[in-house]
């Protein structure tokens, strides 16, 4: 894939292009050049390269990776790992006759806070490739309902409701918070109105 990009977009993937573009954008910020003119000078030849590559670039065939499992729905096809718009997923080789699919799962070195079994990391195709955690349901409770966007913190309980704690990541920062959505500590604080701020002075 890298070789194809170098062959058809050699000037774009060159580090000198990045440095030159940064320099031009600096001049735009300083007011020495017009931003539209700079972008137009880049986009016109770039668009021509895309059109040309659409016909000349060799199509890349992804290697089929077997999971070693039979399809649980049709009982005939093999399950393979495929690449979709939102990442990798598992599908049946009998597609389109069989439309069985599921998220690709990755084992996580962590313990389910509800039943003590293992955890799986999955990717949501409906939430723009966002990852989440679920119980692997291989322990005492085959119907364990655990699911959370955030990884549980081992051996930590919420001081308010007694539920498990998770490590929340938001805007580049990580901090512990209660995994129970209904916990009072997770209640959204009401936004202050202008009058309320004035009254608080």
Foldseek 3Di string as FASTA:
>chain_A
DVVLCCVLVVLPPDVVNVVVLVVVVVCVVVVNDPPVVSVVVVVPVVVVSVVVCVPPPDDDDDDWAFPPDADPPPRPFTWTWDADPQGIWIATPPPPVDGDIGWDWDWDPDADQPFRATKIWTFDPVPRRQIKIDGPCPGDGVPDPDIGSFAWDPPDADPQPRATWGWDDDPRDTDIDHPDCPGPVNDDDDDDDPVNVVVVD
